[in-house]
Amino acid sequence: MRHQWGDAQGTWLTVIGCMHEKNIWHEVAHLLGAEDHYGDGMNRCKNPDRCIMTYGKTEGVLCEEALAEIRNYISTLKG
C-alpha cells in the first residue's frame, strides 16, 4: 500500500488503510471511476476544501467533478 489512508488500483481493487467513513468513500469512488484530486489532479477540483477526493479529508463530499468522473465511467459500462 502506497498511502496510509488506502490505495486503489484502477477500477478493480481498493485497499482501505484507515476506517474513516469518508476515506472508505474516497477509495470506493476510485472503483467507480473518480480520480484523486490532489497532486497532478488538484486542478480538477473546484471545491478542494470540501472534496473527499483530495488528500487526507475525513469530512466532506464528492465534488461536482468527482461526480462527473463517476457518471462518465458508469456510462462506459452501459451496453
Protein backbone atom coordinates (compact mmCIF):
# COMPACT_ATOMS: atom_id res chain seq x y z
CA MET A 1 0.00 0.00 0.00
CA ARG A 2 1.47 3.35 -1.07
CA HIS A 3 -0.55 5.53 1.33
CA GLN A 4 -1.53 5.04 4.97
CA TRP A 5 -5.13 6.02 4.09
CA GLY A 6 -5.56 3.35 1.44
CA ASP A 7 -4.85 2.64 -2.18
CA ALA A 8 -6.78 1.84 -5.33
CA GLN A 9 -5.61 0.08 -8.47
CA GLY A 10 -7.75 1.28 -11.33
CA THR A 11 -11.41 0.36 -11.05
CA TRP A 12 -10.89 -3.20 -9.87
CA LEU A 13 -9.13 -3.19 -6.46
CA THR A 14 -9.05 -0.99 -3.40
CA VAL A 15 -7.36 -1.41 -0.02
CA ILE A 16 -8.71 0.54 2.94
CA GLY A 17 -5.98 1.61 5.35
CA CYS A 18 -7.98 3.95 7.57
CA MET A 19 -11.53 3.26 8.70
CA HIS A 20 -12.88 6.83 8.46
CA GLU A 21 -16.21 6.78 6.60
CA LYS A 22 -15.05 9.49 4.17
CA ASN A 23 -11.83 7.59 3.48
CA ILE A 24 -13.80 4.47 2.62
CA TRP A 25 -15.97 6.51 0.22
CA HIS A 26 -12.81 8.03 -1.32
CA GLU A 27 -11.40 4.59 -2.11
CA VAL A 28 -14.75 3.21 -3.31
CA ALA A 29 -15.16 6.26 -5.57
CA HIS A 30 -11.97 5.13 -7.34
CA LEU A 31 -13.75 1.86 -8.14
CA LEU A 32 -16.49 3.94 -9.75
CA GLY A 33 -14.07 5.96 -11.90
CA ALA A 34 -13.23 9.01 -9.76
CA GLU A 35 -9.65 10.24 -9.83
CA ASP A 36 -7.58 11.73 -7.00
CA HIS A 37 -7.97 15.49 -6.70
CA TYR A 38 -4.53 16.14 -5.25
CA GLY A 39 -1.05 16.25 -6.72
CA ASP A 40 -1.42 16.31 -10.50
CA GLY A 41 -5.21 16.15 -10.14
CA MET A 42 -5.58 19.21 -7.88
CA ASN A 43 -6.72 21.45 -10.73
CA ARG A 44 -9.71 19.14 -11.38
CA CYS A 45 -11.41 20.01 -8.12
CA LYS A 46 -13.46 23.19 -7.81
CA ASN A 47 -14.06 22.74 -4.08
CA PRO A 48 -10.84 21.34 -2.55
CA ASP A 49 -11.79 22.36 0.99
CA ARG A 50 -14.80 20.00 0.94
CA CYS A 51 -13.94 17.35 -1.65
CA ILE A 52 -13.15 13.90 -0.22
CA MET A 53 -11.08 13.11 -3.32
CA THR A 54 -8.41 15.48 -2.02
CA TYR A 55 -5.72 14.05 0.26
CA GLY A 56 -6.45 13.23 3.89
CA LYS A 57 -10.02 14.51 4.15
CA THR A 58 -12.15 12.88 6.83
CA GLU A 59 -15.05 15.29 6.24
CA GLY A 60 -16.67 16.48 3.05
CA VAL A 61 -18.46 15.27 -0.05
CA LEU A 62 -17.75 14.21 -3.60
CA CYS A 63 -17.34 17.43 -5.60
CA GLU A 64 -19.12 18.02 -8.91
CA GLU A 65 -16.03 16.97 -10.88
CA ALA A 66 -15.76 13.67 -8.97
CA LEU A 67 -19.45 13.00 -9.63
CA ALA A 68 -18.90 13.79 -13.34
CA GLU A 69 -15.98 11.33 -13.42
CA ILE A 70 -18.21 8.65 -11.87
CA ARG A 71 -21.08 9.36 -14.29
CA ASN A 72 -18.65 9.19 -17.22
CA TYR A 73 -17.24 5.84 -16.06
CA ILE A 74 -20.70 4.36 -15.48
CA SER A 75 -21.77 5.45 -18.97
CA THR A 76 -18.97 3.30 -20.42
CA LEU A 77 -20.45 0.23 -18.69
CA LYS A 78 -23.86 0.52 -20.32
CA GLY A 79 -24.21 -1.89 -23.20
